[in-house]
Amino acid sequence: MDAKITLSFDKQVIERAKQYAESQNISLSRLMEFLLDKITSGKFNDLEDLPVSDWVNAVAEGKAEYITKSRKRSKLKDEYMNRKK
């Protein structure tokens, strides 16, 4: 039995997903159902357990960008000194 759900995605993601679904000769709804079924199949405890290549290909939006905060020198020194004890 099918049920309806409303989701919000970035417009570009939706367009790419539509193109991908069309190239696979399936509807966007069936593509999403397939992906959600894979994720919730019980084989994976969390997203980290998903095969990386499958998951990355499914949601990739471009090159990965890592944003980190630089730590102050005094904080680094304190951490180093505390490890030495």
N, C-alpha and C. Protein backbone atom coordinates (compact mmCIF):
# COMPACT_ATOMS: atom_id res chain seq x y z
N MET A 1 0.84 -1.17 0.00
CA MET A 1 0.00 0.00 0.00
C MET A 1 0.89 1.24 0.00
N ASP A 2 0.67 2.12 -0.94
CA ASP A 2 1.45 3.35 -1.03
C ASP A 2 0.88 4.42 -0.11
N ALA A 3 1.76 5.24 0.42
CA ALA A 3 1.37 6.39 1.24
C ALA A 3 2.15 7.59 0.74
N LYS A 4 1.62 8.77 0.94
CA LYS A 4 2.28 9.99 0.47
C LYS A 4 3.10 10.61 1.58
N ILE A 5 4.19 11.29 1.16
CA ILE A 5 5.07 12.00 2.08
C ILE A 5 5.54 13.27 1.37
N THR A 6 5.72 14.33 2.11
CA THR A 6 6.22 15.58 1.54
C THR A 6 7.62 15.83 2.08
N LEU A 7 8.57 16.03 1.17
CA LEU A 7 9.95 16.30 1.54
C LEU A 7 10.41 17.58 0.87
N SER A 8 11.37 18.25 1.46
CA SER A 8 11.95 19.46 0.87
C SER A 8 13.43 19.21 0.58
N PHE A 9 13.84 19.50 -0.67
CA PHE A 9 15.22 19.34 -1.09
C PHE A 9 15.65 20.59 -1.84
N ASP A 10 16.95 20.76 -1.99
CA ASP A 10 17.50 21.81 -2.82
C ASP A 10 17.02 21.58 -4.26
N LYS A 11 16.65 22.65 -4.94
CA LYS A 11 16.09 22.54 -6.29
C LYS A 11 17.04 21.80 -7.25
N GLN A 12 18.33 22.08 -7.16
CA GLN A 12 19.30 21.42 -8.05
C GLN A 12 19.37 19.92 -7.77
N VAL A 13 19.27 19.56 -6.50
CA VAL A 13 19.30 18.14 -6.13
C VAL A 13 18.09 17.44 -6.74
N ILE A 14 16.94 18.08 -6.67
CA ILE A 14 15.72 17.50 -7.24
C ILE A 14 15.87 17.31 -8.74
N GLU A 15 16.41 18.32 -9.42
CA GLU A 15 16.58 18.21 -10.87
C GLU A 15 17.52 17.07 -11.24
N ARG A 16 18.64 16.96 -10.51
CA ARG A 16 19.58 15.86 -10.79
C ARG A 16 18.93 14.52 -10.50
N ALA A 17 18.17 14.45 -9.42
CA ALA A 17 17.50 13.20 -9.06
C ALA A 17 16.48 12.81 -10.12
N LYS A 18 15.75 13.78 -10.64
CA LYS A 18 14.78 13.50 -11.71
C LYS A 18 15.48 12.97 -12.94
N GLN A 19 16.59 13.60 -13.31
CA GLN A 19 17.34 13.14 -14.48
C GLN A 19 17.87 11.73 -14.27
N TYR A 20 18.38 11.47 -13.07
CA TYR A 20 18.91 10.14 -12.77
C TYR A 20 17.79 9.10 -12.82
N ALA A 21 16.66 9.41 -12.21
CA ALA A 21 15.54 8.47 -12.21
C ALA A 21 15.08 8.19 -13.64
N GLU A 22 15.01 9.24 -14.44
CA GLU A 22 14.61 9.06 -15.84
C GLU A 22 15.60 8.18 -16.59
N SER A 23 16.89 8.37 -16.34
CA SER A 23 17.90 7.55 -17.02
C SER A 23 17.82 6.09 -16.60
N GLN A 24 17.25 5.84 -15.41
CA GLN A 24 17.10 4.47 -14.91
C GLN A 24 15.70 3.91 -15.21
N ASN A 25 14.90 4.70 -15.92
CA ASN A 25 13.53 4.31 -16.28
C ASN A 25 12.66 3.99 -15.07
N ILE A 26 12.80 4.80 -14.01
CA ILE A 26 11.94 4.68 -12.84
C ILE A 26 11.47 6.07 -12.44
N SER A 27 10.43 6.12 -11.66
CA SER A 27 9.94 7.41 -11.18
C SER A 27 10.81 7.90 -10.03
N LEU A 28 10.75 9.18 -9.78
CA LEU A 28 11.49 9.76 -8.66
C LEU A 28 10.98 9.16 -7.35
N SER A 29 9.69 8.91 -7.27
CA SER A 29 9.13 8.29 -6.06
C SER A 29 9.72 6.91 -5.82
N ARG A 30 9.85 6.11 -6.87
CA ARG A 30 10.41 4.76 -6.71
C ARG A 30 11.90 4.82 -6.39
N LEU A 31 12.61 5.80 -6.94
CA LEU A 31 14.02 5.98 -6.61
C LEU A 31 14.18 6.28 -5.12
N MET A 32 13.39 7.21 -4.61
CA MET A 32 13.45 7.55 -3.18
C MET A 32 13.05 6.35 -2.33
N GLU A 33 12.03 5.62 -2.76
CA GLU A 33 11.61 4.43 -2.02
C GLU A 33 12.75 3.42 -1.96
N PHE A 34 13.44 3.23 -3.08
CA PHE A 34 14.57 2.30 -3.14
C PHE A 34 15.67 2.73 -2.17
N LEU A 35 16.04 4.01 -2.21
CA LEU A 35 17.10 4.51 -1.33
C LEU A 35 16.72 4.40 0.14
N LEU A 36 15.50 4.79 0.47
CA LEU A 36 15.05 4.70 1.87
C LEU A 36 14.95 3.25 2.33
N ASP A 37 14.54 2.36 1.42
CA ASP A 37 14.46 0.94 1.76
C ASP A 37 15.85 0.40 2.07
N LYS A 38 16.84 0.79 1.27
CA LYS A 38 18.22 0.34 1.50
C LYS A 38 18.72 0.81 2.87
N ILE A 39 18.48 2.08 3.17
CA ILE A 39 18.97 2.66 4.41
C ILE A 39 18.30 2.04 5.63
N THR A 40 17.01 1.76 5.52
CA THR A 40 16.25 1.26 6.68
C THR A 40 16.10 -0.25 6.70
N SER A 41 16.86 -0.96 5.88
CA SER A 41 16.72 -2.41 5.77
C SER A 41 17.14 -3.17 7.01
N GLY A 42 17.80 -2.51 7.93
CA GLY A 42 18.26 -3.17 9.14
C GLY A 42 19.69 -3.64 9.04
N LYS A 43 20.28 -3.55 7.87
CA LYS A 43 21.67 -3.97 7.68
C LYS A 43 22.65 -2.91 8.18
N PHE A 44 22.16 -1.70 8.35
CA PHE A 44 23.03 -0.60 8.72
C PHE A 44 22.53 0.03 10.02
N ASN A 45 23.42 0.17 10.99
CA ASN A 45 23.04 0.79 12.26
C ASN A 45 22.97 2.31 12.14
N ASP A 46 23.82 2.87 11.29
CA ASP A 46 23.79 4.31 11.05
C ASP A 46 24.38 4.59 9.68
N LEU A 47 24.40 5.85 9.29
CA LEU A 47 24.89 6.21 7.96
C LEU A 47 26.34 5.83 7.74
N GLU A 48 27.11 5.75 8.82
CA GLU A 48 28.52 5.36 8.71
C GLU A 48 28.67 3.93 8.20
N ASP A 49 27.65 3.09 8.42
CA ASP A 49 27.72 1.69 8.00
C ASP A 49 27.38 1.49 6.53
N LEU A 50 26.77 2.49 5.91
CA LEU A 50 26.43 2.37 4.49
C LEU A 50 27.70 2.26 3.66
N PRO A 51 27.67 1.46 2.60
CA PRO A 51 28.83 1.45 1.71
C PRO A 51 29.08 2.87 1.20
N VAL A 52 30.25 3.38 1.44
CA VAL A 52 30.54 4.78 1.18
C VAL A 52 30.28 5.16 -0.28
N SER A 53 30.74 4.37 -1.21
CA SER A 53 30.60 4.75 -2.61
C SER A 53 29.13 4.86 -3.01
N ASP A 54 28.28 3.94 -2.56
CA ASP A 54 26.87 4.00 -2.90
C ASP A 54 26.23 5.25 -2.31
N TRP A 55 26.52 5.51 -1.03
CA TRP A 55 25.90 6.64 -0.36
C TRP A 55 26.42 7.96 -0.93
N VAL A 56 27.71 8.05 -1.16
CA VAL A 56 28.29 9.28 -1.70
C VAL A 56 27.75 9.56 -3.09
N ASN A 57 27.67 8.55 -3.93
CA ASN A 57 27.13 8.75 -5.27
C ASN A 57 25.68 9.20 -5.22
N ALA A 58 24.94 8.74 -4.22
CA ALA A 58 23.53 9.09 -4.12
C ALA A 58 23.32 10.53 -3.68
N VAL A 59 24.21 11.08 -2.86
CA VAL A 59 23.98 12.41 -2.31
C VAL A 59 25.05 13.44 -2.66
N ALA A 60 26.05 13.08 -3.43
CA ALA A 60 27.16 13.99 -3.71
C ALA A 60 26.68 15.26 -4.40
N GLU A 61 27.20 16.38 -3.93
CA GLU A 61 26.87 17.67 -4.52
C GLU A 61 28.12 18.40 -4.99
N GLY A 62 29.24 17.74 -4.96
CA GLY A 62 30.48 18.39 -5.36
C GLY A 62 31.61 17.98 -4.44
N LYS A 63 32.72 18.70 -4.57
CA LYS A 63 33.90 18.40 -3.77
C LYS A 63 33.63 18.64 -2.28
N ALA A 64 34.12 17.75 -1.44
CA ALA A 64 33.93 17.88 0.01
C ALA A 64 34.71 19.08 0.52
N GLU A 65 34.10 19.79 1.44
CA GLU A 65 34.74 20.96 2.05
C GLU A 65 34.68 20.78 3.56
N TYR A 66 35.83 20.76 4.18
CA TYR A 66 35.90 20.57 5.62
C TYR A 66 36.12 21.92 6.29
N ILE A 67 35.25 22.24 7.21
CA ILE A 67 35.34 23.51 7.92
C ILE A 67 35.74 23.21 9.36
N THR A 68 36.89 23.71 9.74
CA THR A 68 37.36 23.49 11.11
C THR A 68 37.71 24.83 11.73
N LYS A 69 37.60 24.88 13.04
CA LYS A 69 37.98 26.09 13.76
C LYS A 69 39.43 25.95 14.18
N SER A 70 40.21 27.00 13.98
CA SER A 70 41.60 26.95 14.43
C SER A 70 41.62 27.13 15.94
N ARG A 71 42.47 26.37 16.59
CA ARG A 71 42.57 26.44 18.05
C ARG A 71 43.66 27.43 18.44
N LYS A 72 43.43 28.12 19.54
CA LYS A 72 44.40 29.09 20.03
C LYS A 72 45.65 28.37 20.52
N ARG A 73 46.76 29.05 20.36
CA ARG A 73 48.05 28.48 20.76
C ARG A 73 48.06 28.10 22.25
N SER A 74 47.47 28.95 23.09
CA SER A 74 47.46 28.66 24.53
C SER A 74 46.65 27.39 24.83
N LYS A 75 45.57 27.19 24.10
CA LYS A 75 44.75 25.99 24.28
C LYS A 75 45.54 24.75 23.87
N LEU A 76 46.26 24.82 22.76
CA LEU A 76 47.09 23.71 22.31
C LEU A 76 48.17 23.39 23.33
N LYS A 77 48.78 24.43 23.88
CA LYS A 77 49.83 24.24 24.88
C LYS A 77 49.26 23.54 26.12
N ASP A 78 48.09 23.99 26.57
CA ASP A 78 47.45 23.37 27.73
C ASP A 78 47.15 21.89 27.48
N GLU A 79 46.64 21.58 26.30
CA GLU A 79 46.34 20.18 25.96
C GLU A 79 47.62 19.34 25.97
N TYR A 80 48.69 19.89 25.40
CA TYR A 80 49.96 19.18 25.35
C TYR A 80 50.50 18.93 26.76
N MET A 81 50.45 19.96 27.60
CA MET A 81 50.97 19.83 28.96
C MET A 81 50.15 18.84 29.78
N ASN A 82 48.85 18.83 29.58
CA ASN A 82 47.98 17.90 30.32
C ASN A 82 48.23 16.46 29.91
N ARG A 83 48.60 16.22 28.67
CA ARG A 83 48.90 14.86 28.22
C ARG A 83 50.21 14.36 28.80
N LYS A 84 51.12 15.26 29.05
CA LYS A 84 52.44 14.90 29.59
C LYS A 84 52.36 14.43 31.04
N LYS A 85 51.33 14.84 31.76
CA LYS A 85 51.22 14.52 33.19
C LYS A 85 50.87 13.08 33.43
